Amino acid sequence: MSAAHPIVRPTLAERRKQETRMDIARTAARLFAEYGTAAVTAEQIASESGVALRTFYRYARTKEESVEPMLAAGAQRWLAEIAAGPHRLPIADEFESAAVRSLKLGDSPDDLEITRGLLQAMETDPALRAIWHRINMEAERDLHRTLASLVGSQADLFQLRVTAAAAAGAIRVALELWAASNGPAEGPNSPADLVVRCMRQLHVAD
């Protein structure tokens, strides 16, 4: 029997970098949601994050790109939930429950409101919208790879590709609908509720 692979934990320096990157992302997202992207500068984001402008540009090439960690965090939690499941293609209920758990384990009510404002700001900001679509495309590719790993050599490549696209698309659409409708954080028309409804509408897996 082969030895189990040791768990590789991030170093203290790596954790601090991750925390700094997320602090910058939250600050940028809050400012964009409150004032709009056009009115916010990289210098303002850096100042309110408590870092030098030079440090800001080590974490993001543009002010819009700085929000990426915050927008990607939910997808990363969801992928981790899927990857921890049985070594087979998840059924619809498992996709739904993984999405709901990742939402409940994630953003605070304040973060959800910031995310709402950020998604609303994207309607008039092509650069910010491009970041959102890139994050979702990467999440779809990561989900496809995760599903292929779970299924193994018996994978139906067509089914995996379509399932990954439908599942990732359901979450994106749910969050956009929630932001546009000013729905609550919990209960009917919340992100979790809309994710389940979107997945059922799109018929993710049988």
Protein backbone atom coordinates (compact mmCIF):
# COMPACT_ATOMS: atom_id res chain seq x y z
CA MET A 1 0.00 0.00 0.00
CA SER A 2 1.42 3.38 -0.98
CA ALA A 3 1.85 6.07 1.62
CA ALA A 4 -0.71 8.86 1.65
CA HIS A 5 0.40 12.14 0.19
CA PRO A 6 1.20 14.64 2.94
CA ILE A 7 -1.07 17.68 3.17
CA VAL A 8 0.83 20.70 1.89
CA ARG A 9 -0.11 23.70 3.99
CA PRO A 10 0.67 27.28 2.94
CA THR A 11 3.49 28.97 4.80
CA LEU A 12 2.88 31.95 7.05
CA ALA A 13 4.23 34.25 4.33
CA GLU A 14 1.89 32.70 1.76
CA ARG A 15 -1.10 33.07 4.09
CA ARG A 16 -0.25 36.72 4.68
CA LYS A 17 -0.06 37.31 0.95
CA GLN A 18 -3.44 35.67 0.46
CA GLU A 19 -4.93 37.79 3.24
CA THR A 20 -3.46 40.99 1.77
CA ARG A 21 -4.77 40.12 -1.68
CA MET A 22 -8.25 39.47 -0.29
CA ASP A 23 -8.18 42.69 1.78
CA ILE A 24 -7.36 44.64 -1.38
CA ALA A 25 -10.13 42.81 -3.26
CA ARG A 26 -12.74 43.62 -0.60
CA THR A 27 -11.70 47.25 -0.46
CA ALA A 28 -11.82 47.64 -4.24
CA ALA A 29 -15.17 45.86 -4.46
CA ARG A 30 -16.66 48.07 -1.73
CA LEU A 31 -15.43 51.25 -3.42
CA PHE A 32 -16.62 50.15 -6.85
CA ALA A 33 -20.03 49.22 -5.47
CA GLU A 34 -20.37 52.56 -3.66
CA TYR A 35 -18.91 55.00 -6.17
CA GLY A 36 -18.64 53.17 -9.50
CA THR A 37 -15.40 52.04 -11.07
CA ALA A 38 -14.79 55.24 -13.03
CA ALA A 39 -14.63 57.33 -9.85
CA VAL A 40 -12.20 55.03 -8.02
CA THR A 41 -8.44 55.00 -8.54
CA ALA A 42 -5.78 52.39 -7.80
CA GLU A 43 -4.21 54.92 -5.43
CA GLN A 44 -7.46 55.16 -3.46
CA ILE A 45 -7.79 51.37 -3.23
CA ALA A 46 -4.20 51.03 -2.04
CA SER A 47 -4.58 53.79 0.53
CA GLU A 48 -7.79 52.39 2.01
CA SER A 49 -6.28 48.89 2.03
CA GLY A 50 -3.29 50.17 4.01
CA VAL A 51 -0.70 49.21 1.39
CA ALA A 52 1.64 51.15 -0.85
CA LEU A 53 0.67 51.65 -4.49
CA ARG A 54 3.71 49.58 -5.46
CA THR A 55 2.37 46.74 -3.31
CA PHE A 56 -1.07 47.06 -4.91
CA TYR A 57 0.43 46.52 -8.36
CA ARG A 58 2.22 43.40 -7.16
CA TYR A 59 -1.22 41.85 -6.60
CA ALA A 60 -3.16 43.28 -9.55
CA ARG A 61 -2.28 44.76 -12.91
CA THR A 62 -5.37 47.00 -13.00
CA LYS A 63 -7.88 48.34 -10.50
CA GLU A 64 -10.61 46.14 -11.99
CA GLU A 65 -8.47 43.02 -11.72
CA SER A 66 -7.96 43.61 -8.01
CA VAL A 67 -11.48 42.33 -7.19
CA GLU A 68 -10.82 38.92 -8.73
CA PRO A 69 -10.04 37.03 -5.47
CA MET A 70 -13.35 38.06 -3.93
CA LEU A 71 -15.37 37.07 -6.99
CA ALA A 72 -13.51 33.76 -7.37
CA ALA A 73 -13.73 32.66 -3.71
CA GLY A 74 -17.24 31.22 -3.98
CA ALA A 75 -16.37 29.13 -7.04
CA GLN A 76 -13.29 27.78 -5.27
CA ARG A 77 -15.37 26.70 -2.26
CA TRP A 78 -17.90 25.01 -4.54
CA LEU A 79 -15.21 23.14 -6.48
CA ALA A 80 -13.69 21.93 -3.21
CA GLU A 81 -17.11 20.61 -2.14
CA ILE A 82 -17.53 18.75 -5.46
CA ALA A 83 -13.99 17.33 -5.36
CA ALA A 84 -14.61 15.92 -1.87
CA GLY A 85 -17.57 13.85 -3.10
CA PRO A 86 -17.82 10.26 -4.38
CA HIS A 87 -15.64 9.17 -7.31
CA ARG A 88 -18.42 9.39 -9.88
CA LEU A 89 -20.38 12.07 -11.67
CA PRO A 90 -22.44 13.95 -9.05
CA ILE A 91 -26.20 13.79 -9.39
CA ALA A 92 -28.30 16.97 -9.53
CA ASP A 93 -29.03 17.00 -5.79
CA GLU A 94 -25.30 16.78 -5.02
CA PHE A 95 -24.48 19.73 -7.29
CA GLU A 96 -27.22 21.72 -5.58
CA SER A 97 -26.26 20.83 -2.01
CA ALA A 98 -22.57 21.54 -2.70
CA ALA A 99 -23.49 24.97 -4.06
CA VAL A 100 -25.71 25.76 -1.09
CA ARG A 101 -23.04 24.65 1.42
CA SER A 102 -20.38 26.74 -0.30
CA LEU A 103 -22.63 29.81 -0.14
CA LYS A 104 -23.45 29.27 3.54
CA LEU A 105 -19.79 28.72 4.42
CA GLY A 106 -18.63 31.78 2.54
CA ASP A 107 -19.42 35.44 2.35
CA SER A 108 -20.70 37.42 5.32
CA PRO A 109 -23.87 39.53 4.81
CA ASP A 110 -21.61 42.57 4.30
CA ASP A 111 -19.57 40.73 1.65
CA LEU A 112 -22.75 39.63 -0.10
CA GLU A 113 -23.97 43.22 -0.29
CA ILE A 114 -20.61 44.32 -1.68
CA THR A 115 -20.77 41.52 -4.25
CA ARG A 116 -24.27 42.64 -5.21
CA GLY A 117 -23.05 46.18 -5.80
CA LEU A 118 -20.09 44.88 -7.78
CA LEU A 119 -22.29 42.77 -10.06
CA GLN A 120 -24.56 45.76 -10.59
CA ALA A 121 -21.57 47.96 -11.43
CA MET A 122 -20.54 45.50 -14.15
CA GLU A 123 -23.55 46.50 -16.22
CA THR A 124 -21.80 49.74 -17.17
CA ASP A 125 -18.15 48.66 -16.91
CA PRO A 126 -16.82 46.41 -19.72
CA ALA A 127 -13.45 45.86 -17.99
CA LEU A 128 -15.10 44.66 -14.78
CA ARG A 129 -17.52 42.51 -16.76
CA ALA A 130 -14.60 40.90 -18.58
CA ILE A 131 -13.05 39.93 -15.24
CA TRP A 132 -16.34 38.32 -14.15
CA HIS A 133 -16.67 36.32 -17.36
CA ARG A 134 -13.05 35.20 -17.20
CA ILE A 135 -13.52 33.97 -13.63
CA ASN A 136 -16.60 32.02 -14.68
CA MET A 137 -14.86 30.48 -17.68
CA GLU A 138 -11.98 29.39 -15.44
CA ALA A 139 -14.46 27.94 -12.94
CA GLU A 140 -16.10 25.95 -15.73
CA ARG A 141 -12.74 24.57 -16.89
CA ASP A 142 -11.76 23.72 -13.31
CA LEU A 143 -15.10 21.97 -12.77
CA HIS A 144 -14.60 19.97 -15.97
CA ARG A 145 -11.18 18.81 -14.75
CA THR A 146 -12.59 17.98 -11.31
CA LEU A 147 -15.41 15.90 -12.80
CA ALA A 148 -12.99 14.08 -15.10
CA SER A 149 -10.84 13.22 -12.08
CA LEU A 150 -13.86 11.91 -10.15
CA VAL A 151 -15.17 9.79 -13.03
CA GLY A 152 -11.80 8.48 -14.22
CA SER A 153 -11.14 6.51 -17.40
CA GLN A 154 -14.83 5.74 -17.99
CA ALA A 155 -15.65 9.41 -18.50
CA ASP A 156 -18.07 10.43 -21.22
CA LEU A 157 -16.24 13.54 -22.46
CA PHE A 158 -19.36 15.04 -24.04
CA GLN A 159 -21.40 14.58 -20.86
CA LEU A 160 -18.65 16.04 -18.66
CA ARG A 161 -18.24 19.13 -20.83
CA VAL A 162 -21.97 19.86 -21.01
CA THR A 163 -22.48 19.16 -17.30
CA ALA A 164 -19.63 21.49 -16.31
CA ALA A 165 -20.98 24.26 -18.55
CA ALA A 166 -24.54 23.87 -17.24
CA ALA A 167 -23.55 23.74 -13.56
CA ALA A 168 -21.14 26.69 -13.72
CA GLY A 169 -23.62 28.66 -15.81
CA ALA A 170 -26.41 28.04 -13.31
CA ILE A 171 -24.39 29.61 -10.50
CA ARG A 172 -23.40 32.62 -12.63
CA VAL A 173 -26.97 33.24 -13.74
CA ALA A 174 -28.31 32.83 -10.18
CA LEU A 175 -25.92 35.43 -8.78
CA GLU A 176 -26.63 37.87 -11.60
CA LEU A 177 -30.40 37.46 -11.14
CA TRP A 178 -30.04 37.95 -7.40
CA ALA A 179 -27.99 41.12 -7.83
CA ALA A 180 -30.40 42.56 -10.40
CA SER A 181 -33.49 41.81 -8.31
CA ASN A 182 -32.13 43.07 -4.96
CA GLY A 183 -33.12 39.75 -3.39
CA PRO A 184 -32.44 38.88 0.26
CA ALA A 185 -29.33 37.12 1.55
CA GLU A 186 -31.40 34.16 2.81
CA GLY A 187 -34.72 32.52 2.04
CA PRO A 188 -36.77 32.82 -1.18
CA ASN A 189 -34.90 34.62 -3.99
CA SER A 190 -31.62 34.46 -2.06
CA PRO A 191 -28.43 33.31 -3.86
CA ALA A 192 -28.84 29.76 -2.51
CA ASP A 193 -32.50 29.60 -3.54
CA LEU A 194 -31.80 30.93 -7.03
CA VAL A 195 -28.85 28.57 -7.54
CA VAL A 196 -31.08 25.57 -6.85
CA ARG A 197 -33.82 26.92 -9.12
CA CYS A 198 -31.35 27.62 -11.95
CA MET A 199 -29.75 24.19 -11.70
CA ARG A 200 -33.13 22.50 -11.84
CA GLN A 201 -34.14 24.63 -14.81
CA LEU A 202 -30.93 23.74 -16.65
CA HIS A 203 -31.27 20.02 -15.77
CA VAL A 204 -27.74 19.56 -14.42
CA ALA A 205 -27.06 15.79 -14.40
CA ASP A 206 -29.64 13.08 -13.81
